[in-house]
Amino acid sequence: MQTILITGGAGFIGSHVVRLFVNKYPEYKIVNLDKLTYAGNLANLKDIENKANYEFIKGDIVDADFIQSLFETYQFDGVIHLAAESHVDRSISNPTEFVFTNVIGTVNLLNAANKIWKDNKEGKRFYHISTDEVYGSLGKTGIFTEECKYDPHSPYSASKASSDHFVRAYSDTFGLPVVLTNCSNNYGSFQFPEKLIPLFIHNICNNKPLPVYGKGENIRDWLWVEDHARAIDVVFHQGNNGETYNIGGFNEWTNIDLIKLTCRIMDRKLSRTEGTSEKLITYVKDRAGHDLRYAIDSTK
C-alpha cells in the first residue's frame, strides 16, 4: 500500500483533493496534515473521516522536527503539498507569516522527503502546488505558459515563487523526484469567505457593501476547484519528474463583470428585483501591487 501525505488537506482545495484520492484510490493510505488555521475546517471532510484508508493529523509544516518525525514514522511514498498561506491582502499586512509557512514549511517538507528517499527514489514523488501569480501581470494580450519568467509583485506571490525555486533546486541538487503545477483562481464549495466569490455571496445575502478594487477592471482566469482536483490527480500519476504544468480554466473575467453576474444570480436565488444587489457595489482604493491580468495556458 502506498502512503501519500497531503498537506493542507482540510482547506479549500485540499479537501477536494483528499476526498478524490480517498474515494478513488482505496489501495492508498491518505494522511491529511493540516494546522487547522482559520481556513482549515474538518467539517469539509465529514463524509470520509471514517474511511479505512484515511487519517487526519493536526500539525504545522513550519515545525521541522515534527515533520521529520512524521516522515520517519509513515515512510511516505508521495507528497501532495497544498499547505500555504494564500490570501494576498493578508500577505500585505503580515508578510513574515507567509515566509514561514510558504518558504520554510516547504523546505522542511523537502528536507524530510529527501532524507527518507535518499537511498531509494523509485516510485516516489513530491508534488508542489503553486499559483499563476508567480508570473506577475499580463497586459491586455498574452498568456502565461510554463516558460514565462517569474515576476512576483506581492509578498504572497514572492513567497510562492521562492518555494517553487526551492523545489526545483532540490530536484537539480539532490535528484528529488518532483513535479510542480501553477494554477489560476479557484472557486467552489468550502472556499473560505475572504475570497471574492464567497465573500460577495455572503455580503449580498446580508445586504452588506460589495467592495470592488479600483474600477473592477482586473482580469482573472477562473478554475472550478473540482476540475483542479482532477488535474492534480492526473499530474501526480502521469506527470514527468522535474516538469511544471499550468492548470487553468481558459475562463477569463473582469472582476466587475463577474461581480455583476453574481449579483444577477443572487437576485434570482433570493427572489429580489433584478438590479437590487448591484446597488451594493462600492468602489474602493485599489490594492497595492494589484496585478492587472492573469491568463494561463493549460494546454500542456
C-alpha atoms as a PDB file:
ATOM      1  CA  MET A   1       0.000   0.000   0.000  1.00  0.00           C
ATOM      2  CA  GLN A   2       1.310   3.421  -0.968  1.00  0.00           C
ATOM      3  CA  THR A   3       1.164   6.066   1.743  1.00  0.00           C
ATOM      4  CA  ILE A   4       0.513   9.594   0.457  1.00  0.00           C
ATOM      5  CA  LEU A   5       0.838  12.753   2.542  1.00  0.00           C
ATOM      6  CA  ILE A   6      -1.484  15.609   1.550  1.00  0.00           C
ATOM      7  CA  THR A   7      -0.657  18.859   3.324  1.00  0.00           C
ATOM      8  CA  GLY A   8      -3.335  21.488   3.818  1.00  0.00           C
ATOM      9  CA  GLY A   9      -5.979  18.849   3.241  1.00  0.00           C
ATOM     10  CA  ALA A  10      -8.620  20.493   5.433  1.00  0.00           C
ATOM     11  CA  GLY A  11      -8.511  23.688   3.399  1.00  0.00           C
ATOM     12  CA  PHE A  12     -10.486  24.693   0.347  1.00  0.00           C
ATOM     13  CA  ILE A  13      -8.583  22.991  -2.476  1.00  0.00           C
ATOM     14  CA  GLY A  14      -7.021  20.375  -0.221  1.00  0.00           C
ATOM     15  CA  SER A  15     -10.337  18.981   0.988  1.00  0.00           C
ATOM     16  CA  HIS A  16     -11.400  18.308  -2.608  1.00  0.00           C
ATOM     17  CA  VAL A  17      -8.082  16.604  -3.377  1.00  0.00           C
ATOM     18  CA  VAL A  18      -8.198  14.486  -0.207  1.00  0.00           C
ATOM     19  CA  ARG A  19     -11.761  13.370  -0.911  1.00  0.00           C
ATOM     20  CA  LEU A  20     -10.939  12.465  -4.518  1.00  0.00           C
ATOM     21  CA  PHE A  21      -7.870  10.412  -3.550  1.00  0.00           C
ATOM     22  CA  VAL A  22      -9.527   8.651  -0.598  1.00  0.00           C
ATOM     23  CA  ASN A  23     -12.531   7.609  -2.685  1.00  0.00           C
ATOM     24  CA  LYS A  24     -10.753   6.856  -5.955  1.00  0.00           C
ATOM     25  CA  TYR A  25      -7.724   5.015  -4.550  1.00  0.00           C
ATOM     26  CA  PRO A  26      -8.790   2.715  -1.687  1.00  0.00           C
ATOM     27  CA  GLU A  27      -5.438   0.951  -2.077  1.00  0.00           C
ATOM     28  CA  TYR A  28      -3.640   4.136  -0.924  1.00  0.00           C
ATOM     29  CA  LYS A  29      -3.229   5.262   2.660  1.00  0.00           C
ATOM     30  CA  ILE A  30      -4.031   9.003   2.637  1.00  0.00           C
ATOM     31  CA  VAL A  31      -2.613  11.048   5.515  1.00  0.00           C
ATOM     32  CA  ASN A  32      -4.080  14.541   5.748  1.00  0.00           C
ATOM     33  CA  LEU A  33      -1.807  17.007   7.569  1.00  0.00           C
ATOM     34  CA  ASP A  34      -3.307  20.391   8.413  1.00  0.00           C
ATOM     35  CA  LYS A  35      -2.593  23.066  11.032  1.00  0.00           C
ATOM     36  CA  LEU A  36      -6.304  23.970  11.129  1.00  0.00           C
ATOM     37  CA  THR A  37      -5.806  27.709  10.868  1.00  0.00           C
ATOM     38  CA  TYR A  38      -8.804  29.938  10.155  1.00  0.00           C
ATOM     39  CA  ALA A  39      -9.026  28.474   6.633  1.00  0.00           C
ATOM     40  CA  GLY A  40      -8.960  24.796   7.625  1.00  0.00           C
ATOM     41  CA  ASN A  41     -12.194  23.034   8.530  1.00  0.00           C
ATOM     42  CA  LEU A  42     -12.590  19.313   9.216  1.00  0.00           C
ATOM     43  CA  ALA A  43     -16.330  19.645   8.596  1.00  0.00           C
ATOM     44  CA  ASN A  44     -15.334  19.765   4.905  1.00  0.00           C
ATOM     45  CA  LEU A  45     -14.362  16.089   5.209  1.00  0.00           C
ATOM     46  CA  LYS A  46     -17.142  14.643   7.400  1.00  0.00           C
ATOM     47  CA  ASP A  47     -18.167  12.211   4.676  1.00  0.00           C
ATOM     48  CA  ILE A  48     -14.772  10.455   4.579  1.00  0.00           C
ATOM     49  CA  GLU A  49     -13.486  10.824   8.148  1.00  0.00           C
ATOM     50  CA  ASN A  50     -14.209   7.163   8.985  1.00  0.00           C
ATOM     51  CA  LYS A  51     -12.814   5.671   5.779  1.00  0.00           C
ATOM     52  CA  ALA A  52     -10.296   2.886   6.430  1.00  0.00           C
ATOM     53  CA  ASN A  53      -7.646   4.422   4.169  1.00  0.00           C
ATOM     54  CA  TYR A  54      -7.822   7.943   5.658  1.00  0.00           C
ATOM     55  CA  GLU A  55      -6.098   9.534   8.636  1.00  0.00           C
ATOM     56  CA  PHE A  56      -6.018  13.144   9.812  1.00  0.00           C
ATOM     57  CA  ILE A  57      -3.063  14.618  11.713  1.00  0.00           C
ATOM     58  CA  LYS A  58      -3.000  18.133  13.112  1.00  0.00           C
ATOM     59  CA  GLY A  59       0.414  19.720  12.723  1.00  0.00           C
ATOM     60  CA  ASP A  60       2.474  22.622  11.419  1.00  0.00           C
ATOM     61  CA  ILE A  61       4.843  22.254   8.469  1.00  0.00           C
ATOM     62  CA  VAL A  62       6.993  25.023   9.986  1.00  0.00           C
ATOM     63  CA  ASP A  63       7.965  22.599  12.808  1.00  0.00           C
ATOM     64  CA  ALA A  64      10.951  20.849  11.218  1.00  0.00           C
ATOM     65  CA  ASP A  65      11.417  18.218  13.959  1.00  0.00           C
ATOM     66  CA  PHE A  66       7.752  17.273  13.833  1.00  0.00           C
ATOM     67  CA  ILE A  67       7.833  16.953  10.041  1.00  0.00           C
ATOM     68  CA  GLN A  68      10.955  14.801  10.084  1.00  0.00           C
ATOM     69  CA  SER A  69       9.443  12.529  12.728  1.00  0.00           C
ATOM     70  CA  LEU A  70       6.232  12.229  10.715  1.00  0.00           C
ATOM     71  CA  PHE A  71       8.121  11.147   7.590  1.00  0.00           C
ATOM     72  CA  GLU A  72      10.172   8.617   9.536  1.00  0.00           C
ATOM     73  CA  THR A  73       7.044   7.143  11.139  1.00  0.00           C
ATOM     74  CA  TYR A  74       4.918   6.857   7.989  1.00  0.00           C
ATOM     75  CA  GLN A  75       7.632   6.447   5.321  1.00  0.00           C
ATOM     76  CA  PHE A  76       5.561   8.358   2.779  1.00  0.00           C
ATOM     77  CA  ASP A  77       5.783   7.321  -0.863  1.00  0.00           C
ATOM     78  CA  GLY A  78       4.362  10.609  -2.122  1.00  0.00           C
ATOM     79  CA  VAL A  79       3.652  14.151  -1.035  1.00  0.00           C
ATOM     80  CA  ILE A  80       0.973  16.456  -2.437  1.00  0.00           C
ATOM     81  CA  HIS A  81       1.870  19.826  -0.941  1.00  0.00           C
ATOM     82  CA  LEU A  82      -1.096  22.204  -0.729  1.00  0.00           C
ATOM     83  CA  ALA A  83      -0.480  23.819   2.673  1.00  0.00           C
ATOM     84  CA  ALA A  84       0.035  27.555   2.191  1.00  0.00           C
ATOM     85  CA  GLU A  85      -0.990  30.999   3.265  1.00  0.00           C
ATOM     86  CA  SER A  86      -2.782  32.217   0.147  1.00  0.00           C
ATOM     87  CA  HIS A  87      -4.652  35.492   0.651  1.00  0.00           C
ATOM     88  CA  VAL A  88      -2.871  38.443  -0.958  1.00  0.00           C
ATOM     89  CA  ASP A  89      -4.374  41.063   1.351  1.00  0.00           C
ATOM     90  CA  ARG A  90      -3.168  39.132   4.399  1.00  0.00           C
ATOM     91  CA  SER A  91       0.320  38.885   2.888  1.00  0.00           C
ATOM     92  CA  ILE A  92       0.460  42.663   2.642  1.00  0.00           C
ATOM     93  CA  SER A  93      -0.437  43.101   6.319  1.00  0.00           C
ATOM     94  CA  ASN A  94       1.773  40.236   7.570  1.00  0.00           C
ATOM     95  CA  PRO A  95       4.443  39.163   5.050  1.00  0.00           C
ATOM     96  CA  THR A  96       6.533  37.252   7.611  1.00  0.00           C
ATOM     97  CA  GLU A  97       3.815  34.663   8.226  1.00  0.00           C
ATOM     98  CA  PHE A  98       3.835  33.878   4.511  1.00  0.00           C
ATOM     99  CA  VAL A  99       7.616  33.429   4.514  1.00  0.00           C
ATOM    100  CA  PHE A 100       7.450  30.940   7.377  1.00  0.00           C
ATOM    101  CA  THR A 101       4.605  28.817   6.034  1.00  0.00           C
ATOM    102  CA  ASN A 102       5.202  29.016   2.288  1.00  0.00           C
ATOM    103  CA  VAL A 103       9.002  29.001   2.211  1.00  0.00           C
ATOM    104  CA  ILE A 104      10.317  27.476   5.457  1.00  0.00           C
ATOM    105  CA  GLY A 105       7.445  24.984   5.606  1.00  0.00           C
ATOM    106  CA  THR A 106       8.109  23.835   2.051  1.00  0.00           C
ATOM    107  CA  VAL A 107      11.839  23.443   2.718  1.00  0.00           C
ATOM    108  CA  ASN A 108      11.072  21.364   5.831  1.00  0.00           C
ATOM    109  CA  LEU A 109       8.974  19.003   3.721  1.00  0.00           C
ATOM    110  CA  LEU A 110      11.677  18.831   1.049  1.00  0.00           C
ATOM    111  CA  ASN A 111      14.340  18.027   3.644  1.00  0.00           C
ATOM    112  CA  ALA A 112      12.247  15.273   5.186  1.00  0.00           C
ATOM    113  CA  ALA A 113      11.390  13.707   1.821  1.00  0.00           C
ATOM    114  CA  ASN A 114      14.992  13.935   0.650  1.00  0.00           C
ATOM    115  CA  LYS A 115      16.212  12.203   3.807  1.00  0.00           C
ATOM    116  CA  ILE A 116      13.875   9.203   3.736  1.00  0.00           C
ATOM    117  CA  TRP A 117      14.090   8.789  -0.072  1.00  0.00           C
ATOM    118  CA  LYS A 118      17.857   9.257  -0.237  1.00  0.00           C
ATOM    119  CA  ASP A 119      18.651   5.629  -0.989  1.00  0.00           C
ATOM    120  CA  ASN A 120      15.515   4.717  -2.940  1.00  0.00           C
ATOM    121  CA  LYS A 121      13.733   7.289  -5.070  1.00  0.00           C
ATOM    122  CA  GLU A 122      11.948   4.734  -7.244  1.00  0.00           C
ATOM    123  CA  GLY A 123       8.199   5.323  -7.283  1.00  0.00           C
ATOM    124  CA  LYS A 124       8.462   8.405  -5.061  1.00  0.00           C
ATOM    125  CA  ARG A 125       7.031  11.830  -5.893  1.00  0.00           C
ATOM    126  CA  PHE A 126       6.978  15.299  -4.309  1.00  0.00           C
ATOM    127  CA  TYR A 127       4.192  17.346  -5.893  1.00  0.00           C
ATOM    128  CA  HIS A 128       4.230  21.070  -5.165  1.00  0.00           C
ATOM    129  CA  ILE A 129       1.111  23.134  -5.933  1.00  0.00           C
ATOM    130  CA  SER A 130       1.712  26.802  -6.743  1.00  0.00           C
ATOM    131  CA  THR A 131      -0.034  29.772  -8.351  1.00  0.00           C
ATOM    132  CA  ASP A 132      -0.072  31.727 -11.598  1.00  0.00           C
ATOM    133  CA  GLU A 133       0.672  34.860  -9.549  1.00  0.00           C
ATOM    134  CA  VAL A 134       4.379  33.982  -9.559  1.00  0.00           C
ATOM    135  CA  TYR A 135       4.463  35.059 -13.212  1.00  0.00           C
ATOM    136  CA  GLY A 136       3.441  38.640 -12.428  1.00  0.00           C
ATOM    137  CA  SER A 137       0.973  40.604 -14.500  1.00  0.00           C
ATOM    138  CA  LEU A 138      -0.120  40.472 -18.126  1.00  0.00           C
ATOM    139  CA  GLY A 139      -1.320  43.337 -20.293  1.00  0.00           C
ATOM    140  CA  LYS A 140      -4.473  43.044 -22.361  1.00  0.00           C
ATOM    141  CA  THR A 141      -2.924  40.314 -24.508  1.00  0.00           C
ATOM    142  CA  GLY A 142      -0.712  37.310 -23.930  1.00  0.00           C
ATOM    143  CA  ILE A 143      -0.983  34.209 -21.776  1.00  0.00           C
ATOM    144  CA  PHE A 144       1.174  32.534 -19.130  1.00  0.00           C
ATOM    145  CA  THR A 145       2.997  29.411 -20.255  1.00  0.00           C
ATOM    146  CA  GLU A 146       5.354  27.199 -18.283  1.00  0.00           C
ATOM    147  CA  GLU A 147       8.292  29.038 -19.878  1.00  0.00           C
ATOM    148  CA  CYS A 148       7.309  32.507 -18.586  1.00  0.00           C
ATOM    149  CA  LYS A 149       9.832  34.191 -16.325  1.00  0.00           C
ATOM    150  CA  TYR A 150       8.945  34.782 -12.691  1.00  0.00           C
ATOM    151  CA  ASP A 151       7.948  38.316 -11.743  1.00  0.00           C
ATOM    152  CA  PRO A 152       6.034  38.239  -8.419  1.00  0.00           C
ATOM    153  CA  HIS A 153       4.538  41.514  -7.189  1.00  0.00           C
ATOM    154  CA  SER A 154       3.022  40.726  -3.775  1.00  0.00           C
ATOM    155  CA  PRO A 155       4.502  39.141  -0.629  1.00  0.00           C
ATOM    156  CA  TYR A 156       2.207  36.168  -1.268  1.00  0.00           C
ATOM    157  CA  SER A 157       3.397  35.575  -4.830  1.00  0.00           C
ATOM    158  CA  ALA A 158       7.020  36.216  -3.794  1.00  0.00           C
ATOM    159  CA  SER A 159       6.755  33.541  -1.099  1.00  0.00           C
ATOM    160  CA  LYS A 160       5.269  31.049  -3.557  1.00  0.00           C
ATOM    161  CA  ALA A 161       7.902  31.888  -6.185  1.00  0.00           C
ATOM    162  CA  SER A 162      10.607  31.241  -3.590  1.00  0.00           C
ATOM    163  CA  SER A 163       9.107  27.890  -2.634  1.00  0.00           C
ATOM    164  CA  ASP A 164       8.890  26.928  -6.332  1.00  0.00           C
ATOM    165  CA  HIS A 165      12.592  27.683  -6.737  1.00  0.00           C
ATOM    166  CA  PHE A 166      13.473  25.557  -3.709  1.00  0.00           C
ATOM    167  CA  VAL A 167      11.503  22.616  -5.098  1.00  0.00           C
ATOM    168  CA  ARG A 168      13.352  22.847  -8.414  1.00  0.00           C
ATOM    169  CA  ALA A 169      16.671  23.289  -6.610  1.00  0.00           C
ATOM    170  CA  TYR A 170      16.117  20.057  -4.649  1.00  0.00           C
ATOM    171  CA  SER A 171      15.341  18.306  -7.906  1.00  0.00           C
ATOM    172  CA  ASP A 172      18.539  19.580  -9.534  1.00  0.00           C
ATOM    173  CA  THR A 173      20.827  19.277  -6.499  1.00  0.00           C
ATOM    174  CA  PHE A 174      19.608  16.075  -4.838  1.00  0.00           C
ATOM    175  CA  GLY A 175      17.724  14.356  -7.639  1.00  0.00           C
ATOM    176  CA  LEU A 176      14.469  14.580  -5.689  1.00  0.00           C
ATOM    177  CA  PRO A 177      11.572  13.397  -7.904  1.00  0.00           C
ATOM    178  CA  VAL A 178       9.333  16.459  -8.118  1.00  0.00           C
ATOM    179  CA  VAL A 179       6.513  17.904 -10.203  1.00  0.00           C
ATOM    180  CA  LEU A 180       5.051  21.412  -9.936  1.00  0.00           C
ATOM    181  CA  THR A 181       1.802  22.997 -11.035  1.00  0.00           C
ATOM    182  CA  ASN A 182       0.771  26.637 -11.220  1.00  0.00           C
ATOM    183  CA  CYS A 183      -2.980  27.189 -11.146  1.00  0.00           C
ATOM    184  CA  SER A 184      -5.344  30.081 -11.793  1.00  0.00           C
ATOM    185  CA  ASN A 185      -8.056  31.410  -9.430  1.00  0.00           C
ATOM    186  CA  ASN A 186     -10.095  28.591  -7.895  1.00  0.00           C
ATOM    187  CA  TYR A 187     -13.751  28.776  -6.898  1.00  0.00           C
ATOM    188  CA  GLY A 188     -16.234  26.284  -5.498  1.00  0.00           C
ATOM    189  CA  SER A 189     -17.615  24.671  -2.358  1.00  0.00           C
ATOM    190  CA  PHE A 190     -15.825  25.008   1.015  1.00  0.00           C
ATOM    191  CA  GLN A 191     -13.994  28.177  -0.060  1.00  0.00           C
ATOM    192  CA  PHE A 192     -13.271  30.469   2.896  1.00  0.00           C
ATOM    193  CA  PRO A 193     -15.337  33.678   2.615  1.00  0.00           C
ATOM    194  CA  GLU A 194     -12.375  36.026   2.367  1.00  0.00           C
ATOM    195  CA  LYS A 195     -12.149  35.176  -1.339  1.00  0.00           C
ATOM    196  CA  LEU A 196     -14.094  37.161  -3.909  1.00  0.00           C
ATOM    197  CA  ILE A 197     -16.977  34.873  -4.882  1.00  0.00           C
ATOM    198  CA  PRO A 198     -17.961  33.505  -1.430  1.00  0.00           C
ATOM    199  CA  LEU A 199     -17.385  36.918   0.181  1.00  0.00           C
ATOM    200  CA  PHE A 200     -19.694  38.645  -2.256  1.00  0.00           C
ATOM    201  CA  ILE A 201     -22.361  35.939  -1.976  1.00  0.00           C
ATOM    202  CA  HIS A 202     -22.240  36.339   1.812  1.00  0.00           C
ATOM    203  CA  ASN A 203     -22.440  40.126   1.585  1.00  0.00           C
ATOM    204  CA  ILE A 204     -25.317  40.045  -0.879  1.00  0.00           C
ATOM    205  CA  CYS A 205     -27.273  37.701   1.401  1.00  0.00           C
ATOM    206  CA  ASN A 206     -26.706  40.099   4.290  1.00  0.00           C
ATOM    207  CA  ASN A 207     -27.169  43.371   2.357  1.00  0.00           C
ATOM    208  CA  LYS A 208     -23.590  44.428   3.036  1.00  0.00           C
ATOM    209  CA  PRO A 209     -21.390  46.519   0.686  1.00  0.00           C
ATOM    210  CA  LEU A 210     -19.554  44.778  -2.164  1.00  0.00           C
ATOM    211  CA  PRO A 211     -16.076  46.393  -2.118  1.00  0.00           C
ATOM    212  CA  VAL A 212     -14.542  46.498  -5.601  1.00  0.00           C
ATOM    213  CA  TYR A 213     -10.887  47.495  -6.015  1.00  0.00           C
ATOM    214  CA  GLY A 214     -10.324  50.385  -8.415  1.00  0.00           C
ATOM    215  CA  LYS A 215     -12.778  50.169 -11.290  1.00  0.00           C
ATOM    216  CA  GLY A 216     -13.021  46.396 -11.165  1.00  0.00           C
ATOM    217  CA  GLU A 217     -11.090  46.064 -14.419  1.00  0.00           C
ATOM    218  CA  ASN A 218      -8.588  43.460 -13.211  1.00  0.00           C
ATOM    219  CA  ILE A 219      -8.937  40.175 -15.096  1.00  0.00           C
ATOM    220  CA  ARG A 220      -8.644  36.666 -13.664  1.00  0.00           C
ATOM    221  CA  ASP A 221      -8.902  33.179 -15.129  1.00  0.00           C
ATOM    222  CA  TRP A 222     -11.350  31.151 -13.008  1.00  0.00           C
ATOM    223  CA  LEU A 223     -10.986  27.418 -12.380  1.00  0.00           C
ATOM    224  CA  TRP A 224     -13.654  25.180 -10.807  1.00  0.00           C
ATOM    225  CA  VAL A 225     -11.980  23.513  -7.807  1.00  0.00           C
ATOM    226  CA  GLU A 226     -13.116  20.006  -8.717  1.00  0.00           C
ATOM    227  CA  ASP A 227     -11.526  20.406 -12.153  1.00  0.00           C
ATOM    228  CA  HIS A 228      -8.344  21.422 -10.341  1.00  0.00           C
ATOM    229  CA  ALA A 229      -8.502  18.338  -8.115  1.00  0.00           C
ATOM    230  CA  ARG A 230      -8.857  16.083 -11.158  1.00  0.00           C
ATOM    231  CA  ALA A 231      -5.904  17.819 -12.800  1.00  0.00           C
ATOM    232  CA  ILE A 232      -3.820  17.235  -9.656  1.00  0.00           C
ATOM    233  CA  ASP A 233      -4.724  13.547  -9.857  1.00  0.00           C
ATOM    234  CA  VAL A 234      -3.539  13.399 -13.482  1.00  0.00           C
ATOM    235  CA  VAL A 235      -0.263  15.242 -12.846  1.00  0.00           C
ATOM    236  CA  PHE A 236       0.531  13.210  -9.717  1.00  0.00           C
ATOM    237  CA  HIS A 237       0.149   9.934 -11.577  1.00  0.00           C
ATOM    238  CA  GLN A 238       1.209  10.828 -15.122  1.00  0.00           C
ATOM    239  CA  GLY A 239       3.421  13.929 -14.927  1.00  0.00           C
ATOM    240  CA  ASN A 240       7.130  13.711 -15.710  1.00  0.00           C
ATOM    241  CA  ASN A 241       9.656  14.326 -12.940  1.00  0.00           C
ATOM    242  CA  GLY A 242      11.154  17.805 -12.999  1.00  0.00           C
ATOM    243  CA  GLU A 243       8.321  19.229 -15.097  1.00  0.00           C
ATOM    244  CA  THR A 244       5.962  22.132 -14.467  1.00  0.00           C
ATOM    245  CA  TYR A 245       2.320  22.102 -15.606  1.00  0.00           C
ATOM    246  CA  ASN A 246      -0.035  25.088 -15.707  1.00  0.00           C
ATOM    247  CA  ILE A 247      -3.638  24.412 -14.659  1.00  0.00           C
ATOM    248  CA  GLY A 248      -6.264  26.926 -15.772  1.00  0.00           C
ATOM    249  CA  GLY A 249      -9.838  27.207 -16.901  1.00  0.00           C
ATOM    250  CA  PHE A 250      -9.475  29.239 -20.141  1.00  0.00           C
ATOM    251  CA  ASN A 251     -12.167  31.298 -18.400  1.00  0.00           C
ATOM    252  CA  GLU A 252     -11.253  34.993 -18.134  1.00  0.00           C
ATOM    253  CA  TRP A 253     -13.488  37.531 -16.404  1.00  0.00           C
ATOM    254  CA  THR A 254     -13.018  41.104 -15.343  1.00  0.00           C
ATOM    255  CA  ASN A 255     -13.771  41.399 -11.643  1.00  0.00           C
ATOM    256  CA  ILE A 256     -16.649  43.788 -12.228  1.00  0.00           C
ATOM    257  CA  ASP A 257     -18.321  41.538 -14.834  1.00  0.00           C
ATOM    258  CA  LEU A 258     -18.013  38.540 -12.513  1.00  0.00           C
ATOM    259  CA  ILE A 259     -19.428  40.557  -9.618  1.00  0.00           C
ATOM    260  CA  LYS A 260     -22.386  41.782 -11.674  1.00  0.00           C
ATOM    261  CA  LEU A 261     -23.094  38.222 -12.816  1.00  0.00           C
ATOM    262  CA  THR A 262     -23.011  37.098  -9.178  1.00  0.00           C
ATOM    263  CA  CYS A 263     -25.431  39.889  -8.312  1.00  0.00           C
ATOM    264  CA  ARG A 264     -27.886  38.829 -11.014  1.00  0.00           C
ATOM    265  CA  ILE A 265     -27.758  35.167  -9.972  1.00  0.00           C
ATOM    266  CA  MET A 266     -28.217  36.054  -6.304  1.00  0.00           C
ATOM    267  CA  ASP A 267     -31.160  38.345  -7.077  1.00  0.00           C
ATOM    268  CA  ARG A 268     -32.873  35.348  -8.699  1.00  0.00           C
ATOM    269  CA  LYS A 269     -31.935  32.999  -5.847  1.00  0.00           C
ATOM    270  CA  LEU A 270     -33.223  35.457  -3.247  1.00  0.00           C
ATOM    271  CA  SER A 271     -36.327  36.418  -5.277  1.00  0.00           C
ATOM    272  CA  ARG A 272     -35.187  40.037  -5.403  1.00  0.00           C
ATOM    273  CA  THR A 273     -35.835  42.531  -8.170  1.00  0.00           C
ATOM    274  CA  GLU A 274     -33.024  42.389 -10.727  1.00  0.00           C
ATOM    275  CA  GLY A 275     -30.519  45.153 -10.017  1.00  0.00           C
ATOM    276  CA  THR A 276     -31.062  45.126  -6.240  1.00  0.00           C
ATOM    277  CA  SER A 277     -27.733  43.531  -5.387  1.00  0.00           C
ATOM    278  CA  GLU A 278     -25.748  45.682  -7.837  1.00  0.00           C
ATOM    279  CA  LYS A 279     -26.668  48.684  -5.703  1.00  0.00           C
ATOM    280  CA  LEU A 280     -24.391  47.212  -3.000  1.00  0.00           C
ATOM    281  CA  ILE A 281     -21.284  47.632  -5.202  1.00  0.00           C
ATOM    282  CA  THR A 282     -18.850  50.093  -3.610  1.00  0.00           C
ATOM    283  CA  TYR A 283     -15.630  51.109  -5.375  1.00  0.00           C
ATOM    284  CA  VAL A 284     -12.621  51.322  -3.043  1.00  0.00           C
ATOM    285  CA  LYS A 285      -8.979  52.324  -3.404  1.00  0.00           C
ATOM    286  CA  ASP A 286      -7.030  49.756  -5.409  1.00  0.00           C
ATOM    287  CA  ARG A 287      -4.813  47.289  -3.594  1.00  0.00           C
ATOM    288  CA  ALA A 288      -1.051  47.884  -3.577  1.00  0.00           C
ATOM    289  CA  GLY A 289       0.733  45.849  -6.261  1.00  0.00           C
ATOM    290  CA  HIS A 290      -2.557  44.677  -7.776  1.00  0.00           C
ATOM    291  CA  ASP A 291      -1.761  42.752 -10.978  1.00  0.00           C
ATOM    292  CA  LEU A 292      -3.905  43.766 -13.948  1.00  0.00           C
ATOM    293  CA  ARG A 293      -4.482  40.425 -15.624  1.00  0.00           C
ATOM    294  CA  TYR A 294      -3.753  36.737 -15.258  1.00  0.00           C
ATOM    295  CA  ALA A 295      -4.416  34.269 -18.077  1.00  0.00           C
ATOM    296  CA  ILE A 296      -2.992  30.776 -18.083  1.00  0.00           C
ATOM    297  CA  ASP A 297      -2.265  28.335 -20.905  1.00  0.00           C
ATOM    298  CA  SER A 298      -3.083  24.868 -19.582  1.00  0.00           C
ATOM    299  CA  THR A 299      -2.559  23.104 -22.910  1.00  0.00           C
ATOM    300  CA  LYS A 300       0.405  21.089 -21.605  1.00  0.00           C
END
